[in-house]
Amino acid sequence: MNQKITRIRRKLMAELDKERYEHTLGVMYTAASMAMSYDADIDKALMAGLLHDCAKCISGENKIKLCDRYHLSVSEVEKANPSLLHAKLGAFLAAKKYHVDDKEIVNAIASHTTGRPHMSLLEKIIYIADYIEPGREELPNMAEVRKLAFHDIDACLYRILKDSLVYLDSRNIPIDPMTEKSYQYYKDKLDQKEE
């Protein structure tokens, strides 16, 4: 898989802007570190991290057009905030353009923006790595979240979901219902763990 990663890295370097490419490498290496920590497949973490934002630099209008062309559903929230489509479209492009046939990798790319209930370990790793990679601007509670990432992955995931909902609400940004479902699922899961 390493030669494939090298080829895809070269393609992405030409397709993404400089900041997005640097972020992508940060996510890729953070995901690999987390995979080592949680005894997950490192190559899958590298590949999912590398491709997680492969559709990010496509304009909002073109994201919607591509979703229509490829018969990917677009919700009203996604129409209002087309940036959310980069995960869904990126998962499709990972499979079709970059020939990733591993469902676990494709699912991790698809859920890295909103999360989802019952995430696999790889999905959790990519979601969290996207949030905590070293080049990411300091967000509220970042130091705590970065520590949690390597000690309690579900608590970390819950904390990021909670902080994301607070941030989106404070900015009046439309919230994808899947983010709310994910938050509630992991809140309930942690509450049950504490009982």
Protein backbone atom coordinates (compact mmCIF):
# COMPACT_ATOMS: atom_id res chain seq x y z
CA MET A 1 0.00 0.00 0.00
CA ASN A 2 2.97 2.37 0.50
CA GLN A 3 3.60 2.83 -3.25
CA LYS A 4 -0.08 3.60 -3.72
CA ILE A 5 0.08 6.17 -0.90
CA THR A 6 3.11 7.79 -2.54
CA ARG A 7 1.32 8.02 -5.92
CA ILE A 8 -1.81 9.50 -4.34
CA ARG A 9 0.26 11.99 -2.33
CA ARG A 10 1.80 13.29 -5.58
CA LYS A 11 -1.64 13.68 -7.17
CA LEU A 12 -3.06 15.46 -4.14
CA MET A 13 -0.09 17.83 -3.96
CA ALA A 14 -1.16 19.12 -7.40
CA GLU A 15 -4.91 19.11 -6.65
CA LEU A 16 -5.07 20.67 -3.17
CA ASP A 17 -3.97 24.13 -2.14
CA LYS A 18 -0.82 24.32 0.00
CA GLU A 19 -2.61 24.71 3.35
CA ARG A 20 -5.03 21.86 2.64
CA TYR A 21 -2.20 19.58 1.53
CA GLU A 22 -0.24 20.33 4.73
CA HIS A 23 -3.38 19.67 6.79
CA THR A 24 -3.85 16.39 4.91
CA LEU A 25 -0.34 15.23 5.78
CA GLY A 26 -0.93 16.24 9.40
CA VAL A 27 -4.12 14.16 9.52
CA MET A 28 -2.42 11.23 7.81
CA TYR A 29 0.44 11.10 10.33
CA THR A 30 -1.80 11.80 13.33
CA ALA A 31 -4.12 9.00 12.21
CA ALA A 32 -1.14 6.64 11.89
CA SER A 33 0.00 7.56 15.43
CA MET A 34 -3.48 6.93 16.79
CA ALA A 35 -3.65 3.62 14.90
CA MET A 36 -0.41 2.57 16.61
CA SER A 37 -1.83 3.58 19.97
CA TYR A 38 -5.08 1.63 19.48
CA ASP A 39 -3.60 -1.36 17.62
CA ALA A 40 -5.48 -0.48 14.42
CA ASP A 41 -4.31 -0.99 10.83
CA ILE A 42 -1.67 1.69 10.19
CA ASP A 43 -1.85 1.48 6.37
CA LYS A 44 -5.62 1.98 6.43
CA ALA A 45 -5.19 4.97 8.76
CA LEU A 46 -2.56 6.46 6.44
CA MET A 47 -4.77 6.01 3.36
CA ALA A 48 -7.95 7.34 4.98
CA GLY A 49 -6.06 10.30 6.44
CA LEU A 50 -4.47 11.06 3.09
CA LEU A 51 -7.76 11.01 1.19
CA HIS A 52 -10.13 12.43 3.82
CA ASP A 53 -10.17 15.91 2.21
CA CYS A 54 -9.63 14.93 -1.44
CA ALA A 55 -12.84 16.80 -2.40
CA LYS A 56 -12.35 19.77 -0.07
CA CYS A 57 -10.90 22.20 -2.65
CA ILE A 58 -13.77 21.69 -5.10
CA SER A 59 -16.06 24.73 -5.10
CA GLY A 60 -19.41 24.44 -3.34
CA GLU A 61 -21.30 24.78 -6.61
CA ASN A 62 -19.21 22.04 -8.22
CA LYS A 63 -19.61 19.78 -5.18
CA ILE A 64 -23.38 19.96 -5.64
CA LYS A 65 -23.09 19.35 -9.40
CA LEU A 66 -20.80 16.35 -8.88
CA CYS A 67 -23.14 14.89 -6.26
CA ASP A 68 -26.02 15.25 -8.73
CA ARG A 69 -23.95 13.65 -11.50
CA TYR A 70 -22.95 10.70 -9.33
CA HIS A 71 -26.41 10.33 -7.74
CA LEU A 72 -25.21 11.21 -4.23
CA SER A 73 -28.03 12.62 -2.11
CA VAL A 74 -27.78 16.26 -1.03
CA SER A 75 -29.79 17.39 1.99
CA GLU A 76 -31.13 20.90 2.59
CA VAL A 77 -28.42 21.45 5.22
CA GLU A 78 -25.77 20.39 2.70
CA LYS A 79 -27.22 22.73 0.07
CA ALA A 80 -27.01 25.56 2.60
CA ASN A 81 -23.46 24.55 3.57
CA PRO A 82 -21.90 22.68 0.59
CA SER A 83 -18.62 22.31 2.47
CA LEU A 84 -20.27 19.40 4.29
CA LEU A 85 -20.43 17.52 0.98
CA HIS A 86 -16.66 17.09 0.79
CA ALA A 87 -16.80 14.00 3.04
CA LYS A 88 -19.51 12.22 1.05
CA LEU A 89 -18.03 13.26 -2.31
CA GLY A 90 -14.51 12.49 -1.07
CA ALA A 91 -15.54 8.94 -0.16
CA PHE A 92 -16.99 8.49 -3.64
CA LEU A 93 -13.83 9.89 -5.28
CA ALA A 94 -11.59 7.73 -3.08
CA ALA A 95 -13.34 4.67 -4.48
CA LYS A 96 -13.73 5.76 -8.10
CA LYS A 97 -10.80 8.10 -8.82
CA TYR A 98 -8.19 6.73 -6.41
CA HIS A 99 -9.30 3.07 -6.63
CA VAL A 100 -9.69 2.48 -2.90
CA ASP A 101 -11.78 -0.67 -2.59
CA ASP A 102 -11.58 -1.01 1.18
CA LYS A 103 -15.04 -0.20 2.62
CA GLU A 104 -13.60 0.69 6.02
CA ILE A 105 -11.38 3.40 4.49
CA VAL A 106 -14.22 4.75 2.34
CA ASN A 107 -16.56 4.85 5.37
CA ALA A 108 -13.94 6.69 7.45
CA ILE A 109 -13.70 9.37 4.76
CA ALA A 110 -17.50 9.61 4.48
CA SER A 111 -18.05 10.12 8.22
CA HIS A 112 -15.09 12.34 9.09
CA THR A 113 -17.08 15.60 9.08
CA THR A 114 -20.33 14.75 10.88
CA GLY A 115 -19.48 11.51 12.63
CA ARG A 116 -22.17 8.87 12.96
CA PRO A 117 -23.45 6.46 15.62
CA HIS A 118 -21.60 3.12 15.83
CA MET A 119 -18.40 4.39 14.20
CA SER A 120 -15.64 1.85 13.58
CA LEU A 121 -12.27 2.38 15.24
CA LEU A 122 -10.84 3.70 11.95
CA GLU A 123 -13.75 6.14 11.54
CA LYS A 124 -13.13 7.47 15.05
CA ILE A 125 -9.42 7.81 14.38
CA ILE A 126 -9.93 9.83 11.17
CA TYR A 127 -12.63 12.03 12.72
CA ILE A 128 -10.38 12.83 15.68
CA ALA A 129 -7.12 13.14 13.69
CA ASP A 130 -8.83 15.71 11.44
CA TYR A 131 -9.62 17.79 14.51
CA ILE A 132 -6.34 17.48 16.44
CA GLU A 133 -3.58 17.33 13.81
CA PRO A 134 -0.64 19.57 14.82
CA GLY A 135 -1.25 22.24 12.17
CA ARG A 136 -4.87 22.77 13.20
CA GLU A 137 -5.56 26.17 14.72
CA GLU A 138 -6.07 26.08 18.44
CA LEU A 139 -9.71 25.37 19.15
CA PRO A 140 -11.40 25.48 22.57
CA ASN A 141 -10.27 22.62 24.83
CA MET A 142 -7.65 21.49 22.28
CA ALA A 143 -5.02 20.45 24.84
CA GLU A 144 -7.57 18.30 26.70
CA VAL A 145 -8.91 16.81 23.46
CA ARG A 146 -5.39 15.93 22.26
CA LYS A 147 -4.69 14.08 25.53
CA LEU A 148 -8.01 12.25 25.40
CA ALA A 149 -7.32 11.15 21.81
CA PHE A 150 -4.67 8.71 23.02
CA HIS A 151 -6.35 7.62 26.27
CA ASP A 152 -10.12 7.38 25.76
CA ILE A 153 -11.21 7.53 22.13
CA ASP A 154 -14.97 7.60 22.84
CA ALA A 155 -14.64 10.39 25.41
CA CYS A 156 -12.51 12.30 22.93
CA LEU A 157 -15.04 11.80 20.15
CA TYR A 158 -17.87 12.95 22.40
CA ARG A 159 -15.92 16.05 23.47
CA ILE A 160 -15.23 17.05 19.86
CA LEU A 161 -18.88 16.53 18.87
CA LYS A 162 -20.06 18.57 21.84
CA ASP A 163 -17.60 21.42 21.16
CA SER A 164 -18.48 21.37 17.44
CA LEU A 165 -22.20 21.73 18.16
CA VAL A 166 -21.53 24.65 20.51
CA TYR A 167 -19.32 26.32 17.89
CA LEU A 168 -21.79 25.83 15.02
CA ASP A 169 -24.70 27.06 17.14
CA SER A 170 -22.77 30.16 18.26
CA ARG A 171 -22.07 31.05 14.62
CA ASN A 172 -25.61 30.24 13.37
CA ILE A 173 -24.15 27.67 10.96
CA PRO A 174 -26.65 25.00 9.89
CA ILE A 175 -26.05 21.77 11.80
CA ASP A 176 -26.16 18.47 9.99
CA PRO A 177 -28.63 16.15 11.77
CA MET A 178 -26.02 13.37 11.69
CA THR A 179 -23.73 15.44 13.93
CA GLU A 180 -26.56 15.77 16.45
CA LYS A 181 -27.30 12.03 16.25
CA SER A 182 -23.63 11.20 16.70
CA TYR A 183 -23.37 13.52 19.70
CA GLN A 184 -26.42 11.95 21.35
CA TYR A 185 -25.22 8.41 20.66
CA TYR A 186 -21.79 8.97 22.23
CA LYS A 187 -23.27 10.97 25.11
CA ASP A 188 -25.58 8.03 25.90
CA LYS A 189 -22.73 5.56 25.49
CA LEU A 190 -20.52 7.44 27.95
CA ASP A 191 -23.42 7.89 30.39
CA GLN A 192 -24.00 4.10 30.37
CA LYS A 193 -20.28 3.48 30.89
CA GLU A 194 -20.33 5.68 34.00
CA GLU A 195 -23.36 3.89 35.55
